[in-house]
Amino acid sequence: LSAACYIGIAGAAVAGSIAHTTRTRF
């Protein structure tokens, strides 16, 4: 369950990174 928790946190960071990189423009 600890592993699941930290995988979930990592997954949230991945999702946040993708959202930021795809909408942030030059």
mmCIF file of all heavy atoms, coordinates in Angstrom:
data_MODEL
# 
_entry.id   MODEL 
# 
loop_
_atom_site.group_PDB 
_atom_site.id 
_atom_site.type_symbol 
_atom_site.label_atom_id 
_atom_site.label_alt_id 
_atom_site.label_comp_id 
_atom_site.label_asym_id 
_atom_site.label_entity_id 
_atom_site.label_seq_id 
_atom_site.pdbx_PDB_ins_code 
_atom_site.Cartn_x 
_atom_site.Cartn_y 
_atom_site.Cartn_z 
_atom_site.occupancy 
_atom_site.B_iso_or_equiv 
_atom_site.pdbx_formal_charge 
_atom_site.auth_seq_id 
_atom_site.auth_comp_id 
_atom_site.auth_asym_id 
_atom_site.auth_atom_id 
_atom_site.pdbx_PDB_model_num 
ATOM 1   N N   . LEU A 1 1  ? 0.823  -1.210 0.000   1.00 0.00 ? 1  LEU A N   1 
ATOM 2   C CA  . LEU A 1 1  ? 0.000  0.000  0.000   1.00 0.00 ? 1  LEU A CA  1 
ATOM 3   C C   . LEU A 1 1  ? 0.855  1.257  0.000   1.00 0.00 ? 1  LEU A C   1 
ATOM 4   O O   . LEU A 1 1  ? 0.483  2.271  -0.617  1.00 0.00 ? 1  LEU A O   1 
ATOM 5   C CB  . LEU A 1 1  ? -0.948 -0.018 1.191   1.00 0.00 ? 1  LEU A CB  1 
ATOM 6   C CG  . LEU A 1 1  ? -1.978 -1.158 1.176   1.00 0.00 ? 1  LEU A CG  1 
ATOM 7   C CD1 . LEU A 1 1  ? -2.851 -1.121 2.418   1.00 0.00 ? 1  LEU A CD1 1 
ATOM 8   C CD2 . LEU A 1 1  ? -2.842 -1.110 -0.089  1.00 0.00 ? 1  LEU A CD2 1 
ATOM 9   N N   . SER A 1 2  ? 2.009  1.233  0.656   1.00 0.00 ? 2  SER A N   1 
ATOM 10  C CA  . SER A 1 2  ? 2.928  2.369  0.572   1.00 0.00 ? 2  SER A CA  1 
ATOM 11  C C   . SER A 1 2  ? 3.412  2.544  -0.860  1.00 0.00 ? 2  SER A C   1 
ATOM 12  O O   . SER A 1 2  ? 3.479  3.662  -1.382  1.00 0.00 ? 2  SER A O   1 
ATOM 13  C CB  . SER A 1 2  ? 4.128  2.174  1.502   1.00 0.00 ? 2  SER A CB  1 
ATOM 14  O OG  . SER A 1 2  ? 3.754  2.204  2.844   1.00 0.00 ? 2  SER A OG  1 
ATOM 15  N N   . ALA A 1 3  ? 3.769  1.426  -1.495  1.00 0.00 ? 3  ALA A N   1 
ATOM 16  C CA  . ALA A 1 3  ? 4.197  1.493  -2.891  1.00 0.00 ? 3  ALA A CA  1 
ATOM 17  C C   . ALA A 1 3  ? 3.097  2.083  -3.763  1.00 0.00 ? 3  ALA A C   1 
ATOM 18  O O   . ALA A 1 3  ? 3.353  2.948  -4.622  1.00 0.00 ? 3  ALA A O   1 
ATOM 19  C CB  . ALA A 1 3  ? 4.579  0.100  -3.390  1.00 0.00 ? 3  ALA A CB  1 
ATOM 20  N N   . ALA A 1 4  ? 1.869  1.633  -3.559  1.00 0.00 ? 4  ALA A N   1 
ATOM 21  C CA  . ALA A 1 4  ? 0.745  2.171  -4.332  1.00 0.00 ? 4  ALA A CA  1 
ATOM 22  C C   . ALA A 1 4  ? 0.601  3.671  -4.112  1.00 0.00 ? 4  ALA A C   1 
ATOM 23  O O   . ALA A 1 4  ? 0.332  4.436  -5.052  1.00 0.00 ? 4  ALA A O   1 
ATOM 24  C CB  . ALA A 1 4  ? -0.538 1.455  -3.949  1.00 0.00 ? 4  ALA A CB  1 
ATOM 25  N N   . CYS A 1 5  ? 0.776  4.107  -2.864  1.00 0.00 ? 5  CYS A N   1 
ATOM 26  C CA  . CYS A 1 5  ? 0.682  5.530  -2.546  1.00 0.00 ? 5  CYS A CA  1 
ATOM 27  C C   . CYS A 1 5  ? 1.717  6.330  -3.332  1.00 0.00 ? 5  CYS A C   1 
ATOM 28  O O   . CYS A 1 5  ? 1.397  7.337  -3.968  1.00 0.00 ? 5  CYS A O   1 
ATOM 29  C CB  . CYS A 1 5  ? 0.860  5.735  -1.042  1.00 0.00 ? 5  CYS A CB  1 
ATOM 30  S SG  . CYS A 1 5  ? 0.823  7.470  -0.521  1.00 0.00 ? 5  CYS A SG  1 
ATOM 31  N N   . TYR A 1 6  ? 2.966  5.882  -3.307  1.00 0.00 ? 6  TYR A N   1 
ATOM 32  C CA  . TYR A 1 6  ? 4.031  6.651  -3.954  1.00 0.00 ? 6  TYR A CA  1 
ATOM 33  C C   . TYR A 1 6  ? 3.982  6.532  -5.475  1.00 0.00 ? 6  TYR A C   1 
ATOM 34  O O   . TYR A 1 6  ? 4.382  7.466  -6.178  1.00 0.00 ? 6  TYR A O   1 
ATOM 35  C CB  . TYR A 1 6  ? 5.380  6.249  -3.371  1.00 0.00 ? 6  TYR A CB  1 
ATOM 36  C CG  . TYR A 1 6  ? 5.487  6.702  -1.931  1.00 0.00 ? 6  TYR A CG  1 
ATOM 37  C CD1 . TYR A 1 6  ? 5.514  5.792  -0.885  1.00 0.00 ? 6  TYR A CD1 1 
ATOM 38  C CD2 . TYR A 1 6  ? 5.476  8.060  -1.617  1.00 0.00 ? 6  TYR A CD2 1 
ATOM 39  C CE1 . TYR A 1 6  ? 5.558  6.218  0.430   1.00 0.00 ? 6  TYR A CE1 1 
ATOM 40  C CE2 . TYR A 1 6  ? 5.522  8.490  -0.310  1.00 0.00 ? 6  TYR A CE2 1 
ATOM 41  C CZ  . TYR A 1 6  ? 5.562  7.571  0.711   1.00 0.00 ? 6  TYR A CZ  1 
ATOM 42  O OH  . TYR A 1 6  ? 5.589  8.018  2.015   1.00 0.00 ? 6  TYR A OH  1 
ATOM 43  N N   . ILE A 1 7  ? 3.482  5.427  -5.985  1.00 0.00 ? 7  ILE A N   1 
ATOM 44  C CA  . ILE A 1 7  ? 3.248  5.339  -7.436  1.00 0.00 ? 7  ILE A CA  1 
ATOM 45  C C   . ILE A 1 7  ? 2.154  6.315  -7.835  1.00 0.00 ? 7  ILE A C   1 
ATOM 46  O O   . ILE A 1 7  ? 2.237  6.970  -8.890  1.00 0.00 ? 7  ILE A O   1 
ATOM 47  C CB  . ILE A 1 7  ? 2.887  3.898  -7.830  1.00 0.00 ? 7  ILE A CB  1 
ATOM 48  C CG1 . ILE A 1 7  ? 4.114  2.989  -7.661  1.00 0.00 ? 7  ILE A CG1 1 
ATOM 49  C CG2 . ILE A 1 7  ? 2.373  3.833  -9.269  1.00 0.00 ? 7  ILE A CG2 1 
ATOM 50  C CD1 . ILE A 1 7  ? 3.809  1.506  -7.752  1.00 0.00 ? 7  ILE A CD1 1 
ATOM 51  N N   . GLY A 1 8  ? 1.126  6.450  -6.994  1.00 0.00 ? 8  GLY A N   1 
ATOM 52  C CA  . GLY A 1 8  ? 0.074  7.431  -7.275  1.00 0.00 ? 8  GLY A CA  1 
ATOM 53  C C   . GLY A 1 8  ? 0.604  8.853  -7.284  1.00 0.00 ? 8  GLY A C   1 
ATOM 54  O O   . GLY A 1 8  ? 0.221  9.676  -8.131  1.00 0.00 ? 8  GLY A O   1 
ATOM 55  N N   . ILE A 1 9  ? 1.493  9.175  -6.341  1.00 0.00 ? 9  ILE A N   1 
ATOM 56  C CA  . ILE A 1 9  ? 2.106  10.511 -6.303  1.00 0.00 ? 9  ILE A CA  1 
ATOM 57  C C   . ILE A 1 9  ? 2.956  10.733 -7.552  1.00 0.00 ? 9  ILE A C   1 
ATOM 58  O O   . ILE A 1 9  ? 2.898  11.806 -8.174  1.00 0.00 ? 9  ILE A O   1 
ATOM 59  C CB  . ILE A 1 9  ? 2.939  10.664 -5.020  1.00 0.00 ? 9  ILE A CB  1 
ATOM 60  C CG1 . ILE A 1 9  ? 2.022  10.721 -3.798  1.00 0.00 ? 9  ILE A CG1 1 
ATOM 61  C CG2 . ILE A 1 9  ? 3.816  11.915 -5.081  1.00 0.00 ? 9  ILE A CG2 1 
ATOM 62  C CD1 . ILE A 1 9  ? 2.737  10.634 -2.469  1.00 0.00 ? 9  ILE A CD1 1 
ATOM 63  N N   . ALA A 1 10 ? 3.754  9.716  -7.922  1.00 0.00 ? 10 ALA A N   1 
ATOM 64  C CA  . ALA A 1 10 ? 4.555  9.834  -9.144  1.00 0.00 ? 10 ALA A CA  1 
ATOM 65  C C   . ALA A 1 10 ? 3.665  10.016 -10.369 1.00 0.00 ? 10 ALA A C   1 
ATOM 66  O O   . ALA A 1 10 ? 3.960  10.830 -11.260 1.00 0.00 ? 10 ALA A O   1 
ATOM 67  C CB  . ALA A 1 10 ? 5.433  8.589  -9.307  1.00 0.00 ? 10 ALA A CB  1 
ATOM 68  N N   . GLY A 1 11 ? 2.563  9.278  -10.400 1.00 0.00 ? 11 GLY A N   1 
ATOM 69  C CA  . GLY A 1 11 ? 1.632  9.414  -11.523 1.00 0.00 ? 11 GLY A CA  1 
ATOM 70  C C   . GLY A 1 11 ? 1.034  10.795 -11.617 1.00 0.00 ? 11 GLY A C   1 
ATOM 71  O O   . GLY A 1 11 ? 0.843  11.337 -12.721 1.00 0.00 ? 11 GLY A O   1 
ATOM 72  N N   . ALA A 1 12 ? 0.751  11.397 -10.465 1.00 0.00 ? 12 ALA A N   1 
ATOM 73  C CA  . ALA A 1 12 ? 0.219  12.764 -10.470 1.00 0.00 ? 12 ALA A CA  1 
ATOM 74  C C   . ALA A 1 12 ? 1.257  13.745 -10.997 1.00 0.00 ? 12 ALA A C   1 
ATOM 75  O O   . ALA A 1 12 ? 0.921  14.690 -11.726 1.00 0.00 ? 12 ALA A O   1 
ATOM 76  C CB  . ALA A 1 12 ? -0.200 13.154 -9.054  1.00 0.00 ? 12 ALA A CB  1 
ATOM 77  N N   . ALA A 1 13 ? 2.526  13.528 -10.635 1.00 0.00 ? 13 ALA A N   1 
ATOM 78  C CA  . ALA A 1 13 ? 3.586  14.397 -11.143 1.00 0.00 ? 13 ALA A CA  1 
ATOM 79  C C   . ALA A 1 13 ? 3.743  14.243 -12.656 1.00 0.00 ? 13 ALA A C   1 
ATOM 80  O O   . ALA A 1 13 ? 3.973  15.231 -13.371 1.00 0.00 ? 13 ALA A O   1 
ATOM 81  C CB  . ALA A 1 13 ? 4.902  14.072 -10.434 1.00 0.00 ? 13 ALA A CB  1 
ATOM 82  N N   . VAL A 1 14 ? 3.618  13.010 -13.155 1.00 0.00 ? 14 VAL A N   1 
ATOM 83  C CA  . VAL A 1 14 ? 3.676  12.775 -14.598 1.00 0.00 ? 14 VAL A CA  1 
ATOM 84  C C   . VAL A 1 14 ? 2.534  13.505 -15.304 1.00 0.00 ? 14 VAL A C   1 
ATOM 85  O O   . VAL A 1 14 ? 2.736  14.222 -16.291 1.00 0.00 ? 14 VAL A O   1 
ATOM 86  C CB  . VAL A 1 14 ? 3.622  11.272 -14.916 1.00 0.00 ? 14 VAL A CB  1 
ATOM 87  C CG1 . VAL A 1 14 ? 3.439  11.046 -16.414 1.00 0.00 ? 14 VAL A CG1 1 
ATOM 88  C CG2 . VAL A 1 14 ? 4.884  10.574 -14.428 1.00 0.00 ? 14 VAL A CG2 1 
ATOM 89  N N   . ALA A 1 15 ? 1.319  13.347 -14.778 1.00 0.00 ? 15 ALA A N   1 
ATOM 90  C CA  . ALA A 1 15 ? 0.156  13.996 -15.397 1.00 0.00 ? 15 ALA A CA  1 
ATOM 91  C C   . ALA A 1 15 ? 0.302  15.512 -15.373 1.00 0.00 ? 15 ALA A C   1 
ATOM 92  O O   . ALA A 1 15 ? -0.010 16.191 -16.368 1.00 0.00 ? 15 ALA A O   1 
ATOM 93  C CB  . ALA A 1 15 ? -1.120 13.571 -14.674 1.00 0.00 ? 15 ALA A CB  1 
ATOM 94  N N   . GLY A 1 16 ? 0.775  16.049 -14.257 1.00 0.00 ? 16 GLY A N   1 
ATOM 95  C CA  . GLY A 1 16 ? 0.971  17.491 -14.164 1.00 0.00 ? 16 GLY A CA  1 
ATOM 96  C C   . GLY A 1 16 ? 2.026  17.987 -15.127 1.00 0.00 ? 16 GLY A C   1 
ATOM 97  O O   . GLY A 1 16 ? 1.879  19.066 -15.725 1.00 0.00 ? 16 GLY A O   1 
ATOM 98  N N   . SER A 1 17 ? 3.079  17.205 -15.305 1.00 0.00 ? 17 SER A N   1 
ATOM 99  C CA  . SER A 1 17 ? 4.147  17.594 -16.238 1.00 0.00 ? 17 SER A CA  1 
ATOM 100 C C   . SER A 1 17 ? 3.649  17.603 -17.677 1.00 0.00 ? 17 SER A C   1 
ATOM 101 O O   . SER A 1 17 ? 3.956  18.515 -18.452 1.00 0.00 ? 17 SER A O   1 
ATOM 102 C CB  . SER A 1 17 ? 5.330  16.627 -16.097 1.00 0.00 ? 17 SER A CB  1 
ATOM 103 O OG  . SER A 1 17 ? 5.882  16.682 -14.818 1.00 0.00 ? 17 SER A OG  1 
ATOM 104 N N   . ILE A 1 18 ? 2.882  16.578 -18.030 1.00 0.00 ? 18 ILE A N   1 
ATOM 105 C CA  . ILE A 1 18 ? 2.351  16.518 -19.399 1.00 0.00 ? 18 ILE A CA  1 
ATOM 106 C C   . ILE A 1 18 ? 1.403  17.683 -19.650 1.00 0.00 ? 18 ILE A C   1 
ATOM 107 O O   . ILE A 1 18 ? 1.455  18.335 -20.704 1.00 0.00 ? 18 ILE A O   1 
ATOM 108 C CB  . ILE A 1 18 ? 1.658  15.165 -19.638 1.00 0.00 ? 18 ILE A CB  1 
ATOM 109 C CG1 . ILE A 1 18 ? 2.690  14.032 -19.617 1.00 0.00 ? 18 ILE A CG1 1 
ATOM 110 C CG2 . ILE A 1 18 ? 0.889  15.180 -20.958 1.00 0.00 ? 18 ILE A CG2 1 
ATOM 111 C CD1 . ILE A 1 18 ? 2.086  12.644 -19.630 1.00 0.00 ? 18 ILE A CD1 1 
ATOM 112 N N   . ALA A 1 19 ? 0.548  17.960 -18.684 1.00 0.00 ? 19 ALA A N   1 
ATOM 113 C CA  . ALA A 1 19 ? -0.392 19.083 -18.845 1.00 0.00 ? 19 ALA A CA  1 
ATOM 114 C C   . ALA A 1 19 ? 0.368  20.396 -19.018 1.00 0.00 ? 19 ALA A C   1 
ATOM 115 O O   . ALA A 1 19 ? 0.020  21.221 -19.875 1.00 0.00 ? 19 ALA A O   1 
ATOM 116 C CB  . ALA A 1 19 ? -1.322 19.159 -17.632 1.00 0.00 ? 19 ALA A CB  1 
ATOM 117 N N   . HIS A 1 20 ? 1.403  20.589 -18.222 1.00 0.00 ? 20 HIS A N   1 
ATOM 118 C CA  . HIS A 1 20 ? 2.159  21.854 -18.305 1.00 0.00 ? 20 HIS A CA  1 
ATOM 119 C C   . HIS A 1 20 ? 2.913  21.971 -19.630 1.00 0.00 ? 20 HIS A C   1 
ATOM 120 O O   . HIS A 1 20 ? 2.890  23.029 -20.267 1.00 0.00 ? 20 HIS A O   1 
ATOM 121 C CB  . HIS A 1 20 ? 3.152  21.937 -17.141 1.00 0.00 ? 20 HIS A CB  1 
ATOM 122 C CG  . HIS A 1 20 ? 3.956  23.196 -17.129 1.00 0.00 ? 20 HIS A CG  1 
ATOM 123 N ND1 . HIS A 1 20 ? 3.433  24.409 -16.724 1.00 0.00 ? 20 HIS A ND1 1 
ATOM 124 C CD2 . HIS A 1 20 ? 5.255  23.443 -17.495 1.00 0.00 ? 20 HIS A CD2 1 
ATOM 125 C CE1 . HIS A 1 20 ? 4.369  25.350 -16.830 1.00 0.00 ? 20 HIS A CE1 1 
ATOM 126 N NE2 . HIS A 1 20 ? 5.477  24.775 -17.290 1.00 0.00 ? 20 HIS A NE2 1 
ATOM 127 N N   . THR A 1 21 ? 3.571  20.892 -20.048 1.00 0.00 ? 21 THR A N   1 
ATOM 128 C CA  . THR A 1 21 ? 4.392  20.984 -21.261 1.00 0.00 ? 21 THR A CA  1 
ATOM 129 C C   . THR A 1 21 ? 3.557  21.110 -22.529 1.00 0.00 ? 21 THR A C   1 
ATOM 130 O O   . THR A 1 21 ? 4.007  21.702 -23.515 1.00 0.00 ? 21 THR A O   1 
ATOM 131 C CB  . THR A 1 21 ? 5.309  19.751 -21.390 1.00 0.00 ? 21 THR A CB  1 
ATOM 132 O OG1 . THR A 1 21 ? 4.512  18.566 -21.375 1.00 0.00 ? 21 THR A OG1 1 
ATOM 133 C CG2 . THR A 1 21 ? 6.305  19.706 -20.257 1.00 0.00 ? 21 THR A CG2 1 
ATOM 134 N N   . THR A 1 22 ? 2.360  20.570 -22.526 1.00 0.00 ? 22 THR A N   1 
ATOM 135 C CA  . THR A 1 22 ? 1.540  20.637 -23.739 1.00 0.00 ? 22 THR A CA  1 
ATOM 136 C C   . THR A 1 22 ? 0.756  21.942 -23.861 1.00 0.00 ? 22 THR A C   1 
ATOM 137 O O   . THR A 1 22 ? 0.334  22.304 -24.972 1.00 0.00 ? 22 THR A O   1 
ATOM 138 C CB  . THR A 1 22 ? 0.560  19.454 -23.799 1.00 0.00 ? 22 THR A CB  1 
ATOM 139 O OG1 . THR A 1 22 ? -0.198 19.401 -22.588 1.00 0.00 ? 22 THR A OG1 1 
ATOM 140 C CG2 . THR A 1 22 ? 1.311  18.147 -23.992 1.00 0.00 ? 22 THR A CG2 1 
ATOM 141 N N   . ARG A 1 23 ? 0.574  22.670 -22.750 1.00 0.00 ? 23 ARG A N   1 
ATOM 142 C CA  . ARG A 1 23 ? -0.177 23.923 -22.850 1.00 0.00 ? 23 ARG A CA  1 
ATOM 143 C C   . ARG A 1 23 ? 0.691  25.172 -22.730 1.00 0.00 ? 23 ARG A C   1 
ATOM 144 O O   . ARG A 1 23 ? 0.216  26.282 -23.020 1.00 0.00 ? 23 ARG A O   1 
ATOM 145 C CB  . ARG A 1 23 ? -1.268 23.956 -21.793 1.00 0.00 ? 23 ARG A CB  1 
ATOM 146 C CG  . ARG A 1 23 ? -0.779 24.091 -20.366 1.00 0.00 ? 23 ARG A CG  1 
ATOM 147 C CD  . ARG A 1 23 ? -1.924 24.310 -19.386 1.00 0.00 ? 23 ARG A CD  1 
ATOM 148 N NE  . ARG A 1 23 ? -1.446 24.395 -18.032 1.00 0.00 ? 23 ARG A NE  1 
ATOM 149 C CZ  . ARG A 1 23 ? -1.707 23.519 -17.068 1.00 0.00 ? 23 ARG A CZ  1 
ATOM 150 N NH1 . ARG A 1 23 ? -2.487 22.478 -17.326 1.00 0.00 ? 23 ARG A NH1 1 
ATOM 151 N NH2 . ARG A 1 23 ? -1.211 23.666 -15.852 1.00 0.00 ? 23 ARG A NH2 1 
ATOM 152 N N   . THR A 1 24 ? 1.944  25.018 -22.303 1.00 0.00 ? 24 THR A N   1 
ATOM 153 C CA  . THR A 1 24 ? 2.825  26.175 -22.140 1.00 0.00 ? 24 THR A CA  1 
ATOM 154 C C   . THR A 1 24 ? 3.524  26.471 -23.458 1.00 0.00 ? 24 THR A C   1 
ATOM 155 O O   . THR A 1 24 ? 4.206  25.600 -24.025 1.00 0.00 ? 24 THR A O   1 
ATOM 156 C CB  . THR A 1 24 ? 3.866  25.906 -21.038 1.00 0.00 ? 24 THR A CB  1 
ATOM 157 O OG1 . THR A 1 24 ? 3.186  25.616 -19.823 1.00 0.00 ? 24 THR A OG1 1 
ATOM 158 C CG2 . THR A 1 24 ? 4.771  27.115 -20.840 1.00 0.00 ? 24 THR A CG2 1 
ATOM 159 N N   . ARG A 1 25 ? 3.386  27.690 -23.948 1.00 0.00 ? 25 ARG A N   1 
ATOM 160 C CA  . ARG A 1 25 ? 3.817  28.025 -25.298 1.00 0.00 ? 25 ARG A CA  1 
ATOM 161 C C   . ARG A 1 25 ? 4.951  29.031 -25.311 1.00 0.00 ? 25 ARG A C   1 
ATOM 162 O O   . ARG A 1 25 ? 5.081  29.887 -24.432 1.00 0.00 ? 25 ARG A O   1 
ATOM 163 C CB  . ARG A 1 25 ? 2.652  28.585 -26.120 1.00 0.00 ? 25 ARG A CB  1 
ATOM 164 C CG  . ARG A 1 25 ? 1.434  27.688 -26.210 1.00 0.00 ? 25 ARG A CG  1 
ATOM 165 C CD  . ARG A 1 25 ? 0.463  28.172 -27.262 1.00 0.00 ? 25 ARG A CD  1 
ATOM 166 N NE  . ARG A 1 25 ? 1.027  28.137 -28.602 1.00 0.00 ? 25 ARG A NE  1 
ATOM 167 C CZ  . ARG A 1 25 ? 1.131  27.042 -29.344 1.00 0.00 ? 25 ARG A CZ  1 
ATOM 168 N NH1 . ARG A 1 25 ? 0.675  25.888 -28.903 1.00 0.00 ? 25 ARG A NH1 1 
ATOM 169 N NH2 . ARG A 1 25 ? 1.674  27.101 -30.555 1.00 0.00 ? 25 ARG A NH2 1 
ATOM 170 N N   . PHE A 1 26 ? 5.782  28.900 -26.353 1.00 0.00 ? 26 PHE A N   1 
ATOM 171 C CA  . PHE A 1 26 ? 6.706  29.959 -26.758 1.00 0.00 ? 26 PHE A CA  1 
ATOM 172 C C   . PHE A 1 26 ? 6.015  30.725 -27.882 1.00 0.00 ? 26 PHE A C   1 
ATOM 173 O O   . PHE A 1 26 ? 6.031  30.299 -29.042 1.00 0.00 ? 26 PHE A O   1 
ATOM 174 C CB  . PHE A 1 26 ? 8.022  29.363 -27.271 1.00 0.00 ? 26 PHE A CB  1 
ATOM 175 C CG  . PHE A 1 26 ? 8.798  28.597 -26.253 1.00 0.00 ? 26 PHE A CG  1 
ATOM 176 C CD1 . PHE A 1 26 ? 8.773  27.207 -26.250 1.00 0.00 ? 26 PHE A CD1 1 
ATOM 177 C CD2 . PHE A 1 26 ? 9.565  29.247 -25.305 1.00 0.00 ? 26 PHE A CD2 1 
ATOM 178 C CE1 . PHE A 1 26 ? 9.502  26.484 -25.318 1.00 0.00 ? 26 PHE A CE1 1 
ATOM 179 C CE2 . PHE A 1 26 ? 10.301 28.541 -24.372 1.00 0.00 ? 26 PHE A CE2 1 
ATOM 180 C CZ  . PHE A 1 26 ? 10.267 27.159 -24.368 1.00 0.00 ? 26 PHE A CZ  1 
# 
